[in-house]
């Protein structure tokens, strides 16, 4: 199974916003939360299925074209300003393994994705979703984040990996052979019928040809 490690955190050189910011953050530092502050929970995004399909497919097909051509300029230009911190050359380095493995994502144009994480708005305002495109024999797993820019959702983070479509059932186990130490019970022998005396008082001949007195 070809597995491509999540590019999500790698691409977010500008900000690891999904995890509440971390190393490599280029955004303006926020003041530390006081002990009484509770981080806001994500809330469902007000976006219909067609909107989800447009965002997911446009992002993955842009990545597919970039991998196939080796030119990541368009992918970079489609991103939010934070995503554009990565140069086209840097994106080429990040996705080098996918490019070398000839990863083909064109199937996402005709297959509907199944979401494992419904679209939600994070506390930092990012739109985040995750899921996979089932296919044979592998599936395309994805995780995406979008930032609002001029009333539009623009790509902020992308993660793609290839995994097995479904768990493989183990091979059937043959029935165990009979144990050599098993005890076999023989069938009972048929009973021996008793000899009947000869009719009219006649005597049986003696064994070994001898005459009876």
N, C-alpha and C. Protein backbone atom coordinates (compact mmCIF):
# COMPACT_ATOMS: atom_id res chain seq x y z
N UNK A 1 0.86 -1.20 0.00
CA UNK A 1 0.00 0.00 0.00
C UNK A 1 0.89 1.24 0.00
N UNK A 2 0.64 2.07 -0.94
CA UNK A 2 1.40 3.32 -1.02
C UNK A 2 0.77 4.30 -0.06
N UNK A 3 1.55 4.81 0.84
CA UNK A 3 1.01 5.76 1.81
C UNK A 3 1.80 7.06 1.73
N UNK A 4 1.08 8.14 1.61
CA UNK A 4 1.70 9.47 1.59
C UNK A 4 1.36 10.14 2.90
N UNK A 5 2.37 10.50 3.64
CA UNK A 5 2.12 11.11 4.93
C UNK A 5 1.37 12.41 4.78
N UNK A 6 0.59 12.74 5.83
CA UNK A 6 -0.20 13.95 5.79
C UNK A 6 0.68 15.15 5.45
N UNK A 7 0.28 15.87 4.42
CA UNK A 7 0.97 17.09 4.06
C UNK A 7 0.36 18.28 4.80
N UNK A 8 -0.67 18.00 5.59
CA UNK A 8 -1.45 19.08 6.19
C UNK A 8 -0.57 19.99 7.03
N UNK A 9 0.12 19.39 7.99
CA UNK A 9 0.94 20.22 8.88
C UNK A 9 2.14 20.79 8.12
N UNK A 10 2.64 20.02 7.13
CA UNK A 10 3.80 20.51 6.40
C UNK A 10 3.45 21.75 5.60
N UNK A 11 2.27 21.73 4.99
CA UNK A 11 1.87 22.87 4.19
C UNK A 11 1.59 24.09 5.04
N UNK A 12 1.15 23.86 6.25
CA UNK A 12 0.81 25.00 7.10
C UNK A 12 2.06 25.51 7.80
N UNK A 13 3.05 25.85 7.00
CA UNK A 13 4.25 26.45 7.55
C UNK A 13 3.88 27.77 8.21
N UNK A 14 2.85 28.37 7.66
CA UNK A 14 2.42 29.66 8.16
C UNK A 14 1.72 29.54 9.50
N UNK A 15 0.93 28.49 9.68
CA UNK A 15 0.17 28.37 10.93
C UNK A 15 -0.41 26.98 11.06
N UNK A 16 -0.14 26.33 12.17
CA UNK A 16 -0.78 25.05 12.44
C UNK A 16 -2.09 25.35 13.13
N UNK A 17 -3.00 25.91 12.34
CA UNK A 17 -4.23 26.44 12.93
C UNK A 17 -5.14 25.34 13.42
N UNK A 18 -5.09 24.17 12.82
CA UNK A 18 -6.00 23.11 13.22
C UNK A 18 -5.73 22.69 14.66
N UNK A 19 -4.48 22.69 15.04
CA UNK A 19 -4.13 22.27 16.39
C UNK A 19 -4.07 23.44 17.34
N UNK A 20 -4.56 24.57 16.91
CA UNK A 20 -4.53 25.74 17.78
C UNK A 20 -3.21 26.46 17.72
N UNK A 21 -2.49 26.30 16.60
CA UNK A 21 -1.20 26.96 16.35
C UNK A 21 -0.08 26.21 17.03
N UNK A 22 1.08 26.20 16.38
CA UNK A 22 2.22 25.47 16.94
C UNK A 22 3.49 25.98 16.31
N UNK A 23 4.45 25.06 16.11
CA UNK A 23 5.74 25.45 15.56
C UNK A 23 5.57 25.95 14.13
N UNK A 24 6.36 26.90 13.76
CA UNK A 24 6.35 27.41 12.40
C UNK A 24 5.24 28.39 12.14
N UNK A 25 4.56 28.85 13.13
CA UNK A 25 3.46 29.77 12.90
C UNK A 25 4.01 31.13 12.52
N UNK A 26 3.45 31.65 11.41
CA UNK A 26 3.89 32.95 10.91
C UNK A 26 2.87 34.04 11.14
N UNK A 27 1.74 33.66 11.70
CA UNK A 27 0.73 34.66 11.96
C UNK A 27 1.10 35.46 13.20
N UNK A 28 0.37 36.54 13.40
CA UNK A 28 0.61 37.37 14.58
C UNK A 28 0.30 36.58 15.84
N UNK A 29 1.25 36.47 16.78
CA UNK A 29 0.99 35.69 17.99
C UNK A 29 -0.21 36.24 18.74
N UNK A 30 -1.01 35.31 19.25
CA UNK A 30 -2.16 35.69 20.05
C UNK A 30 -1.82 35.60 21.53
N UNK A 31 -2.43 36.43 22.35
CA UNK A 31 -2.15 36.34 23.77
C UNK A 31 -2.58 34.99 24.32
N UNK A 32 -1.83 34.50 25.30
CA UNK A 32 -2.15 33.22 25.89
C UNK A 32 -3.49 33.29 26.62
N UNK A 33 -4.22 32.19 26.52
CA UNK A 33 -5.52 32.15 27.18
C UNK A 33 -5.33 32.05 28.69
N UNK A 34 -6.19 32.75 29.41
CA UNK A 34 -6.15 32.65 30.86
C UNK A 34 -6.80 31.35 31.29
N UNK A 35 -6.54 30.88 32.50
CA UNK A 35 -7.09 29.60 32.95
C UNK A 35 -8.62 29.56 32.89
N UNK A 36 -9.29 30.72 32.93
CA UNK A 36 -10.74 30.73 32.94
C UNK A 36 -11.34 30.67 31.53
N UNK A 37 -10.50 30.84 30.50
CA UNK A 37 -11.00 30.83 29.14
C UNK A 37 -11.13 29.40 28.63
N UNK A 38 -12.21 29.12 27.93
CA UNK A 38 -12.45 27.80 27.35
C UNK A 38 -12.46 27.95 25.83
N UNK A 39 -11.62 27.19 25.11
CA UNK A 39 -11.60 27.32 23.64
C UNK A 39 -12.99 27.04 23.06
N UNK A 40 -13.34 27.83 22.07
CA UNK A 40 -14.64 27.65 21.43
C UNK A 40 -14.66 26.34 20.65
N UNK A 41 -15.75 25.63 20.76
CA UNK A 41 -15.89 24.36 20.04
C UNK A 41 -16.23 24.62 18.58
N UNK A 42 -15.79 23.73 17.68
CA UNK A 42 -16.16 23.90 16.27
C UNK A 42 -17.68 23.82 16.11
N UNK A 43 -18.17 24.49 15.10
CA UNK A 43 -19.61 24.47 14.83
C UNK A 43 -19.84 24.06 13.38
N UNK A 44 -20.97 23.41 13.11
CA UNK A 44 -21.25 22.97 11.74
C UNK A 44 -21.24 24.13 10.76
N UNK A 45 -20.69 23.89 9.59
CA UNK A 45 -20.63 24.93 8.55
C UNK A 45 -21.93 24.95 7.76
N UNK A 46 -22.38 26.12 7.43
CA UNK A 46 -23.59 26.29 6.63
C UNK A 46 -23.20 26.21 5.15
N UNK A 47 -23.04 24.98 4.67
CA UNK A 47 -22.66 24.76 3.28
C UNK A 47 -23.36 23.50 2.80
N UNK A 48 -23.93 23.55 1.58
CA UNK A 48 -24.66 22.39 1.08
C UNK A 48 -23.70 21.41 0.40
N UNK A 49 -24.26 20.27 -0.02
CA UNK A 49 -23.43 19.22 -0.60
C UNK A 49 -22.74 19.68 -1.87
N UNK A 50 -23.45 20.45 -2.70
CA UNK A 50 -22.83 20.93 -3.94
C UNK A 50 -21.63 21.81 -3.64
N UNK A 51 -21.75 22.64 -2.61
CA UNK A 51 -20.61 23.48 -2.23
C UNK A 51 -19.43 22.66 -1.76
N UNK A 52 -19.74 21.59 -1.02
CA UNK A 52 -18.67 20.70 -0.55
C UNK A 52 -17.97 20.05 -1.73
N UNK A 53 -18.75 19.55 -2.70
CA UNK A 53 -18.16 18.89 -3.87
C UNK A 53 -17.26 19.83 -4.65
N UNK A 54 -17.70 21.07 -4.81
CA UNK A 54 -16.89 22.05 -5.55
C UNK A 54 -15.56 22.28 -4.85
N UNK A 55 -15.59 22.48 -3.54
CA UNK A 55 -14.36 22.77 -2.80
C UNK A 55 -13.41 21.57 -2.81
N UNK A 56 -13.95 20.39 -2.55
CA UNK A 56 -13.10 19.20 -2.46
C UNK A 56 -12.51 18.87 -3.82
N UNK A 57 -13.35 18.82 -4.83
CA UNK A 57 -12.86 18.43 -6.15
C UNK A 57 -11.90 19.46 -6.74
N UNK A 58 -12.18 20.73 -6.56
CA UNK A 58 -11.29 21.75 -7.12
C UNK A 58 -9.91 21.68 -6.48
N UNK A 59 -9.87 21.42 -5.17
CA UNK A 59 -8.57 21.35 -4.48
C UNK A 59 -7.79 20.12 -4.92
N UNK A 60 -8.46 18.95 -4.97
CA UNK A 60 -7.74 17.72 -5.30
C UNK A 60 -7.37 17.65 -6.78
N UNK A 61 -8.22 18.18 -7.65
CA UNK A 61 -7.88 18.18 -9.07
C UNK A 61 -6.75 19.17 -9.36
N UNK A 62 -6.70 20.27 -8.62
CA UNK A 62 -5.58 21.21 -8.78
C UNK A 62 -4.27 20.54 -8.35
N UNK A 63 -4.34 19.77 -7.26
CA UNK A 63 -3.15 19.04 -6.82
C UNK A 63 -2.77 17.98 -7.85
N UNK A 64 -3.77 17.30 -8.43
CA UNK A 64 -3.49 16.27 -9.43
C UNK A 64 -2.78 16.86 -10.64
N UNK A 65 -3.27 18.00 -11.12
CA UNK A 65 -2.63 18.64 -12.27
C UNK A 65 -1.22 19.10 -11.94
N UNK A 66 -1.04 19.60 -10.73
CA UNK A 66 0.29 20.04 -10.33
C UNK A 66 1.26 18.87 -10.27
N UNK A 67 0.79 17.74 -9.73
CA UNK A 67 1.66 16.56 -9.64
C UNK A 67 2.02 16.03 -11.02
N UNK A 68 1.07 16.08 -11.95
CA UNK A 68 1.31 15.53 -13.28
C UNK A 68 2.18 16.44 -14.14
N UNK A 69 2.07 17.73 -13.94
CA UNK A 69 2.86 18.67 -14.75
C UNK A 69 4.16 19.10 -14.07
N UNK A 70 4.22 18.93 -12.74
CA UNK A 70 5.38 19.41 -12.01
C UNK A 70 5.35 20.90 -11.78
N UNK A 71 4.26 21.55 -12.15
CA UNK A 71 4.12 23.00 -11.98
C UNK A 71 3.07 23.26 -10.90
N UNK A 72 3.50 23.81 -9.77
CA UNK A 72 2.61 24.01 -8.63
C UNK A 72 2.19 25.47 -8.49
N UNK A 73 2.39 26.25 -9.54
CA UNK A 73 2.04 27.66 -9.48
C UNK A 73 0.54 27.87 -9.35
N UNK A 74 -0.25 27.15 -10.15
CA UNK A 74 -1.70 27.31 -10.11
C UNK A 74 -2.24 26.87 -8.75
N UNK A 75 -1.76 25.74 -8.26
CA UNK A 75 -2.20 25.27 -6.94
C UNK A 75 -1.92 26.33 -5.88
N UNK A 76 -0.75 26.93 -5.95
CA UNK A 76 -0.39 27.97 -4.98
C UNK A 76 -1.30 29.19 -5.14
N UNK A 77 -1.56 29.59 -6.39
CA UNK A 77 -2.37 30.79 -6.63
C UNK A 77 -3.82 30.60 -6.19
N UNK A 78 -4.30 29.35 -6.17
CA UNK A 78 -5.67 29.09 -5.74
C UNK A 78 -5.83 29.17 -4.22
N UNK A 79 -4.72 29.19 -3.53
CA UNK A 79 -4.77 29.17 -2.07
C UNK A 79 -4.99 30.54 -1.46
N UNK A 80 -5.27 30.51 -0.17
CA UNK A 80 -5.41 31.74 0.60
C UNK A 80 -4.02 32.36 0.76
N UNK A 81 -3.96 33.63 1.16
CA UNK A 81 -2.65 34.27 1.35
C UNK A 81 -1.73 33.48 2.27
N UNK A 82 -2.29 32.88 3.30
CA UNK A 82 -1.45 32.08 4.18
C UNK A 82 -0.85 30.88 3.48
N UNK A 83 -1.61 30.24 2.60
CA UNK A 83 -1.12 29.09 1.85
C UNK A 83 -0.03 29.52 0.87
N UNK A 84 -0.13 30.73 0.36
CA UNK A 84 0.82 31.21 -0.64
C UNK A 84 2.18 31.55 -0.04
N UNK A 85 2.30 31.44 1.27
CA UNK A 85 3.63 31.57 1.88
C UNK A 85 4.56 30.50 1.31
N UNK A 86 3.97 29.32 0.96
CA UNK A 86 4.74 28.26 0.31
C UNK A 86 4.98 28.63 -1.15
N UNK A 87 6.22 28.64 -1.58
CA UNK A 87 6.51 28.89 -2.98
C UNK A 87 6.13 27.66 -3.81
N UNK A 88 6.04 27.85 -5.12
CA UNK A 88 5.75 26.72 -6.00
C UNK A 88 6.84 25.65 -5.88
N UNK A 89 8.08 26.09 -5.73
CA UNK A 89 9.17 25.13 -5.58
C UNK A 89 9.03 24.34 -4.29
N UNK A 90 8.62 25.02 -3.23
CA UNK A 90 8.44 24.35 -1.95
C UNK A 90 7.31 23.32 -2.04
N UNK A 91 6.22 23.67 -2.71
CA UNK A 91 5.13 22.72 -2.88
C UNK A 91 5.59 21.51 -3.69
N UNK A 92 6.44 21.75 -4.68
CA UNK A 92 6.98 20.65 -5.47
C UNK A 92 7.78 19.69 -4.61
N UNK A 93 8.51 20.23 -3.64
CA UNK A 93 9.28 19.37 -2.73
C UNK A 93 8.34 18.58 -1.82
N UNK A 94 7.29 19.23 -1.34
CA UNK A 94 6.38 18.58 -0.41
C UNK A 94 5.67 17.40 -1.07
N UNK A 95 5.28 17.59 -2.34
CA UNK A 95 4.52 16.55 -3.03
C UNK A 95 5.39 15.72 -3.97
N UNK A 96 6.68 15.71 -3.75
CA UNK A 96 7.59 14.98 -4.64
C UNK A 96 7.29 13.49 -4.65
N UNK A 97 6.99 12.93 -3.50
CA UNK A 97 6.74 11.47 -3.45
C UNK A 97 5.49 11.11 -4.24
N UNK A 98 4.42 11.90 -4.09
CA UNK A 98 3.21 11.62 -4.86
C UNK A 98 3.49 11.72 -6.35
N UNK A 99 4.29 12.71 -6.72
CA UNK A 99 4.61 12.90 -8.14
C UNK A 99 5.44 11.72 -8.65
N UNK A 100 6.41 11.29 -7.88
CA UNK A 100 7.26 10.18 -8.30
C UNK A 100 6.50 8.86 -8.34
N UNK A 101 5.48 8.74 -7.47
CA UNK A 101 4.66 7.53 -7.45
C UNK A 101 3.56 7.55 -8.50
N UNK A 102 3.53 8.62 -9.31
CA UNK A 102 2.50 8.76 -10.36
C UNK A 102 1.10 8.64 -9.79
N UNK A 103 0.88 9.30 -8.67
CA UNK A 103 -0.43 9.27 -8.04
C UNK A 103 -1.47 9.91 -8.96
N UNK A 104 -2.55 9.19 -9.24
CA UNK A 104 -3.60 9.66 -10.14
C UNK A 104 -4.85 9.97 -9.32
N UNK A 105 -5.22 11.25 -9.26
CA UNK A 105 -6.40 11.68 -8.52
C UNK A 105 -7.55 12.06 -9.44
N UNK A 106 -7.44 11.74 -10.72
CA UNK A 106 -8.47 12.17 -11.67
C UNK A 106 -9.83 11.55 -11.37
N UNK A 107 -9.85 10.41 -10.69
CA UNK A 107 -11.11 9.76 -10.38
C UNK A 107 -12.02 10.57 -9.47
N UNK A 108 -11.46 11.55 -8.75
CA UNK A 108 -12.30 12.35 -7.84
C UNK A 108 -13.30 13.20 -8.62
N UNK A 109 -13.10 13.33 -9.92
CA UNK A 109 -14.02 14.13 -10.73
C UNK A 109 -15.35 13.43 -10.95
N UNK A 110 -15.37 12.11 -10.82
CA UNK A 110 -16.60 11.37 -11.11
C UNK A 110 -17.11 10.56 -9.92
N UNK A 111 -16.30 10.41 -8.88
CA UNK A 111 -16.70 9.65 -7.70
C UNK A 111 -17.09 10.62 -6.60
N UNK A 112 -18.18 10.34 -5.93
CA UNK A 112 -18.61 11.20 -4.83
C UNK A 112 -17.83 10.85 -3.56
N UNK A 113 -17.38 11.86 -2.84
CA UNK A 113 -16.63 11.58 -1.61
C UNK A 113 -17.57 11.17 -0.47
N UNK A 114 -17.02 10.45 0.46
CA UNK A 114 -17.71 10.12 1.70
C UNK A 114 -16.98 10.84 2.83
N UNK A 115 -17.71 11.66 3.56
CA UNK A 115 -17.09 12.50 4.58
C UNK A 115 -17.01 11.77 5.92
N UNK A 116 -15.81 11.79 6.49
CA UNK A 116 -15.62 11.26 7.84
C UNK A 116 -15.65 12.38 8.86
N UNK A 117 -15.43 13.60 8.41
CA UNK A 117 -15.56 14.79 9.24
C UNK A 117 -16.40 15.79 8.46
N UNK A 118 -17.63 16.01 8.92
CA UNK A 118 -18.51 16.95 8.23
C UNK A 118 -17.94 18.36 8.29
N UNK A 119 -18.23 19.19 7.29
CA UNK A 119 -17.69 20.55 7.27
C UNK A 119 -18.00 21.29 8.57
N UNK A 120 -16.97 21.86 9.16
CA UNK A 120 -17.15 22.59 10.41
C UNK A 120 -16.27 23.83 10.42
N UNK A 121 -16.71 24.81 11.15
CA UNK A 121 -15.96 26.04 11.30
C UNK A 121 -15.18 25.97 12.61
N UNK A 122 -13.87 26.05 12.49
CA UNK A 122 -13.02 25.99 13.68
C UNK A 122 -13.07 27.33 14.42
N UNK A 123 -12.55 27.30 15.63
CA UNK A 123 -12.54 28.52 16.44
C UNK A 123 -11.76 29.64 15.76
N UNK A 124 -10.79 29.28 14.91
CA UNK A 124 -10.00 30.30 14.22
C UNK A 124 -10.62 30.75 12.91
N UNK A 125 -11.84 30.26 12.60
CA UNK A 125 -12.55 30.70 11.41
C UNK A 125 -12.32 29.86 10.17
N UNK A 126 -11.45 28.85 10.26
CA UNK A 126 -11.20 27.99 9.10
C UNK A 126 -12.33 27.00 8.89
N UNK A 127 -12.61 26.72 7.65
CA UNK A 127 -13.54 25.66 7.28
C UNK A 127 -12.75 24.38 7.11
N UNK A 128 -13.12 23.35 7.83
CA UNK A 128 -12.34 22.10 7.80
C UNK A 128 -13.27 20.93 7.52
N UNK A 129 -12.77 19.98 6.74
CA UNK A 129 -13.52 18.76 6.44
C UNK A 129 -12.53 17.65 6.09
N UNK A 130 -13.00 16.41 6.17
CA UNK A 130 -12.15 15.27 5.86
C UNK A 130 -13.03 14.13 5.36
N UNK A 131 -12.43 13.23 4.59
CA UNK A 131 -13.18 12.09 4.09
C UNK A 131 -12.33 11.28 3.14
N UNK A 132 -13.00 10.54 2.25
CA UNK A 132 -12.27 9.71 1.30
C UNK A 132 -13.11 9.47 0.06
N UNK A 133 -12.42 9.14 -1.02
CA UNK A 133 -13.05 8.73 -2.27
C UNK A 133 -12.83 7.23 -2.41
N UNK A 134 -13.89 6.41 -2.33
CA UNK A 134 -13.69 4.97 -2.48
C UNK A 134 -13.38 4.63 -3.93
N UNK A 135 -12.50 3.67 -4.11
CA UNK A 135 -12.16 3.21 -5.45
C UNK A 135 -11.59 1.82 -5.33
N UNK A 136 -11.21 1.24 -6.44
CA UNK A 136 -10.66 -0.11 -6.45
C UNK A 136 -9.27 -0.07 -7.08
N UNK A 137 -8.24 -0.60 -6.40
CA UNK A 137 -8.28 -1.28 -5.12
C UNK A 137 -7.95 -0.38 -3.93
N UNK A 138 -7.77 0.91 -4.18
CA UNK A 138 -7.37 1.82 -3.11
C UNK A 138 -8.37 2.95 -2.98
N UNK A 139 -8.26 3.69 -1.91
CA UNK A 139 -9.11 4.86 -1.73
C UNK A 139 -8.23 6.08 -1.48
N UNK A 140 -8.76 7.24 -1.84
CA UNK A 140 -8.05 8.50 -1.66
C UNK A 140 -8.59 9.16 -0.39
N UNK A 141 -7.75 9.29 0.61
CA UNK A 141 -8.12 9.96 1.84
C UNK A 141 -7.68 11.42 1.76
N UNK A 142 -8.50 12.31 2.29
CA UNK A 142 -8.14 13.72 2.22
C UNK A 142 -8.57 14.44 3.50
N UNK A 143 -7.87 15.51 3.77
CA UNK A 143 -8.24 16.46 4.82
C UNK A 143 -7.93 17.85 4.28
N UNK A 144 -8.90 18.74 4.37
CA UNK A 144 -8.78 20.05 3.75
C UNK A 144 -9.18 21.14 4.73
N UNK A 145 -8.57 22.29 4.55
CA UNK A 145 -8.95 23.48 5.32
C UNK A 145 -9.01 24.66 4.35
N UNK A 146 -9.99 25.52 4.56
CA UNK A 146 -10.18 26.68 3.71
C UNK A 146 -10.34 27.92 4.58
N UNK A 147 -9.77 29.03 4.11
CA UNK A 147 -9.87 30.30 4.81
C UNK A 147 -10.76 31.24 4.02
N UNK A 148 -11.54 32.07 4.70
CA UNK A 148 -12.40 33.03 3.99
C UNK A 148 -11.57 34.19 3.44
N UNK A 149 -11.68 34.42 2.13
CA UNK A 149 -10.96 35.51 1.46
C UNK A 149 -11.93 36.20 0.50
N UNK A 150 -12.26 37.44 0.80
CA UNK A 150 -13.15 38.22 -0.06
C UNK A 150 -14.46 37.48 -0.36
N UNK A 151 -15.03 36.88 0.67
CA UNK A 151 -16.32 36.21 0.51
C UNK A 151 -16.23 34.84 -0.14
N UNK A 152 -15.01 34.31 -0.32
CA UNK A 152 -14.85 32.98 -0.91
C UNK A 152 -13.95 32.13 -0.02
N UNK A 153 -14.18 30.81 -0.08
CA UNK A 153 -13.31 29.90 0.65
C UNK A 153 -12.11 29.57 -0.22
N UNK A 154 -10.92 29.87 0.29
CA UNK A 154 -9.67 29.60 -0.45
C UNK A 154 -8.86 28.57 0.31
N UNK A 155 -8.18 27.71 -0.44
CA UNK A 155 -7.42 26.61 0.15
C UNK A 155 -6.38 27.12 1.13
N UNK A 156 -6.38 26.53 2.32
CA UNK A 156 -5.44 26.92 3.36
C UNK A 156 -4.53 25.76 3.77
N UNK A 157 -5.05 24.54 3.72
CA UNK A 157 -4.25 23.36 4.05
C UNK A 157 -4.81 22.15 3.32
N UNK A 158 -3.94 21.25 2.91
CA UNK A 158 -4.37 20.06 2.16
C UNK A 158 -3.55 18.86 2.58
N UNK A 159 -4.20 17.74 2.74
CA UNK A 159 -3.54 16.49 3.08
C UNK A 159 -4.17 15.38 2.27
N UNK A 160 -3.35 14.58 1.60
CA UNK A 160 -3.86 13.49 0.75
C UNK A 160 -3.02 12.25 1.01
N UNK A 161 -3.69 11.12 1.13
CA UNK A 161 -3.00 9.85 1.27
C UNK A 161 -3.78 8.77 0.56
N UNK A 162 -3.11 7.69 0.24
CA UNK A 162 -3.74 6.56 -0.44
C UNK A 162 -3.78 5.40 0.54
N UNK A 163 -4.96 4.84 0.69
CA UNK A 163 -5.11 3.73 1.62
C UNK A 163 -5.94 2.64 1.01
N UNK A 164 -5.98 1.51 1.73
CA UNK A 164 -6.78 0.38 1.26
C UNK A 164 -8.25 0.72 1.37
N UNK A 165 -9.05 0.25 0.40
CA UNK A 165 -10.45 0.61 0.36
C UNK A 165 -11.22 0.07 1.55
N UNK A 166 -10.98 -1.18 1.93
CA UNK A 166 -11.74 -1.78 3.02
C UNK A 166 -10.88 -2.86 3.68
N UNK A 167 -11.17 -3.19 4.93
CA UNK A 167 -10.41 -4.26 5.58
C UNK A 167 -10.54 -5.55 4.79
N UNK A 168 -9.43 -6.26 4.68
CA UNK A 168 -9.42 -7.52 3.95
C UNK A 168 -9.75 -8.65 4.90
N UNK A 169 -10.72 -9.47 4.54
CA UNK A 169 -11.10 -10.58 5.39
C UNK A 169 -10.00 -11.62 5.40
N UNK A 170 -9.72 -12.21 6.55
CA UNK A 170 -8.68 -13.23 6.59
C UNK A 170 -9.08 -14.45 5.79
N UNK A 171 -8.09 -15.20 5.33
CA UNK A 171 -8.37 -16.40 4.57
C UNK A 171 -9.09 -17.41 5.46
N UNK A 172 -9.98 -18.20 4.83
CA UNK A 172 -10.72 -19.19 5.61
C UNK A 172 -9.77 -20.23 6.16
N UNK A 173 -9.99 -20.61 7.40
CA UNK A 173 -9.13 -21.60 8.06
C UNK A 173 -9.69 -22.98 7.81
N UNK A 174 -8.88 -23.92 7.26
CA UNK A 174 -9.41 -25.26 7.01
C UNK A 174 -9.76 -25.95 8.31
N UNK A 175 -10.74 -26.87 8.22
CA UNK A 175 -11.15 -27.61 9.41
C UNK A 175 -10.00 -28.46 9.90
N UNK A 176 -9.77 -28.53 11.21
CA UNK A 176 -8.65 -29.31 11.73
C UNK A 176 -8.81 -30.79 11.43
N UNK A 177 -7.69 -31.44 11.10
CA UNK A 177 -7.72 -32.87 10.82
C UNK A 177 -7.91 -33.65 12.11
N UNK A 178 -8.40 -34.90 11.97
CA UNK A 178 -8.62 -35.73 13.16
C UNK A 178 -7.30 -36.00 13.85
N UNK A 179 -7.30 -35.94 15.14
CA UNK A 179 -6.07 -36.15 15.91
C UNK A 179 -5.65 -37.60 15.84
N UNK A 180 -4.34 -37.81 15.73
CA UNK A 180 -3.83 -39.18 15.66
C UNK A 180 -4.01 -39.92 16.98
N UNK A 181 -4.24 -39.17 18.05
CA UNK A 181 -4.40 -39.81 19.35
C UNK A 181 -5.86 -40.10 19.67
N UNK A 182 -6.74 -39.83 18.71
CA UNK A 182 -8.15 -40.08 18.97
C UNK A 182 -8.40 -41.57 19.10
N UNK A 183 -9.32 -41.94 19.97
CA UNK A 183 -9.66 -43.33 20.21
C UNK A 183 -10.84 -43.72 19.32
N UNK A 184 -10.66 -44.82 18.58
CA UNK A 184 -11.72 -45.31 17.70
C UNK A 184 -12.42 -46.48 18.38
N UNK A 185 -13.70 -46.39 18.50
CA UNK A 185 -14.48 -47.46 19.11
C UNK A 185 -14.92 -48.42 18.02
N UNK A 186 -14.44 -49.72 18.07
CA UNK A 186 -14.82 -50.66 17.01
C UNK A 186 -16.29 -51.05 17.11
N UNK A 187 -16.88 -51.43 15.99
CA UNK A 187 -18.26 -51.89 15.99
C UNK A 187 -18.33 -53.27 16.62
N UNK A 188 -19.39 -53.56 17.39
CA UNK A 188 -19.50 -54.89 18.03
C UNK A 188 -19.64 -55.99 16.99
N UNK A 189 -19.00 -57.16 17.28
CA UNK A 189 -19.08 -58.31 16.37
C UNK A 189 -20.47 -58.92 16.44
N UNK A 190 -20.98 -59.43 15.32
CA UNK A 190 -22.30 -60.04 15.35
C UNK A 190 -22.30 -61.27 16.26
N UNK A 191 -23.42 -61.53 16.99
CA UNK A 191 -23.44 -62.69 17.91
C UNK A 191 -23.36 -64.00 17.14
N UNK A 192 -22.73 -65.03 17.77
CA UNK A 192 -22.58 -66.36 17.16
C UNK A 192 -23.79 -67.20 17.56
N UNK A 193 -24.51 -67.71 16.59
CA UNK A 193 -25.71 -68.51 16.88
C UNK A 193 -25.31 -69.85 17.48
N UNK A 194 -25.99 -70.30 18.57
CA UNK A 194 -25.65 -71.61 19.18
C UNK A 194 -26.00 -72.75 18.24
N UNK A 195 -25.21 -73.84 18.32
CA UNK A 195 -25.46 -75.00 17.48
C UNK A 195 -26.70 -75.75 17.95
N UNK A 196 -27.50 -76.18 17.02
CA UNK A 196 -28.70 -76.93 17.34
C UNK A 196 -28.39 -78.44 17.34
N UNK A 197 -28.99 -79.21 18.26
CA UNK A 197 -28.75 -80.67 18.26
C UNK A 197 -29.35 -81.29 17.02
N UNK A 198 -28.73 -82.37 16.48
CA UNK A 198 -29.24 -83.01 15.27
C UNK A 198 -30.61 -83.64 15.50
N UNK A 199 -31.36 -83.68 14.45
CA UNK A 199 -32.71 -84.26 14.56
C UNK A 199 -32.65 -85.77 14.73
N UNK A 200 -33.77 -86.39 15.31
CA UNK A 200 -33.92 -87.84 15.49
C UNK A 200 -32.84 -88.45 16.35
N UNK A 201 -32.31 -87.68 17.24
CA UNK A 201 -31.33 -88.24 18.17
C UNK A 201 -30.02 -88.59 17.56
N UNK A 202 -29.76 -88.19 16.34
CA UNK A 202 -28.47 -88.48 15.71
C UNK A 202 -27.39 -87.71 16.40
N UNK A 203 -26.24 -88.29 16.47
CA UNK A 203 -25.11 -87.66 17.16
C UNK A 203 -24.23 -86.94 16.17
N UNK A 204 -23.66 -85.87 16.69
CA UNK A 204 -22.71 -85.09 15.89
C UNK A 204 -21.43 -85.89 15.73
N UNK A 205 -20.80 -85.87 14.60
CA UNK A 205 -19.50 -86.55 14.47
C UNK A 205 -18.46 -85.88 15.36
N UNK A 206 -17.62 -86.66 15.93
CA UNK A 206 -16.57 -86.14 16.82
C UNK A 206 -15.56 -85.37 16.00
N UNK A 207 -14.94 -84.37 16.61
CA UNK A 207 -13.91 -83.62 15.91
C UNK A 207 -12.73 -84.48 15.53
N UNK A 208 -11.99 -84.10 14.55
CA UNK A 208 -10.78 -84.79 14.05
C UNK A 208 -11.10 -86.14 13.47
N UNK A 209 -12.38 -86.35 13.06
CA UNK A 209 -12.71 -87.60 12.38
C UNK A 209 -12.85 -88.79 13.28
N UNK A 210 -12.77 -88.69 14.63
CA UNK A 210 -12.90 -89.82 15.55
C UNK A 210 -14.36 -90.16 15.73
N UNK A 211 -14.62 -91.43 16.00
CA UNK A 211 -15.97 -91.87 16.21
C UNK A 211 -16.37 -91.73 17.65
N UNK A 212 -17.60 -91.40 17.87
CA UNK A 212 -18.11 -91.32 19.25
C UNK A 212 -18.52 -92.72 19.71
N UNK A 213 -18.42 -93.07 20.99
CA UNK A 213 -18.84 -94.38 21.48
C UNK A 213 -20.34 -94.54 21.41
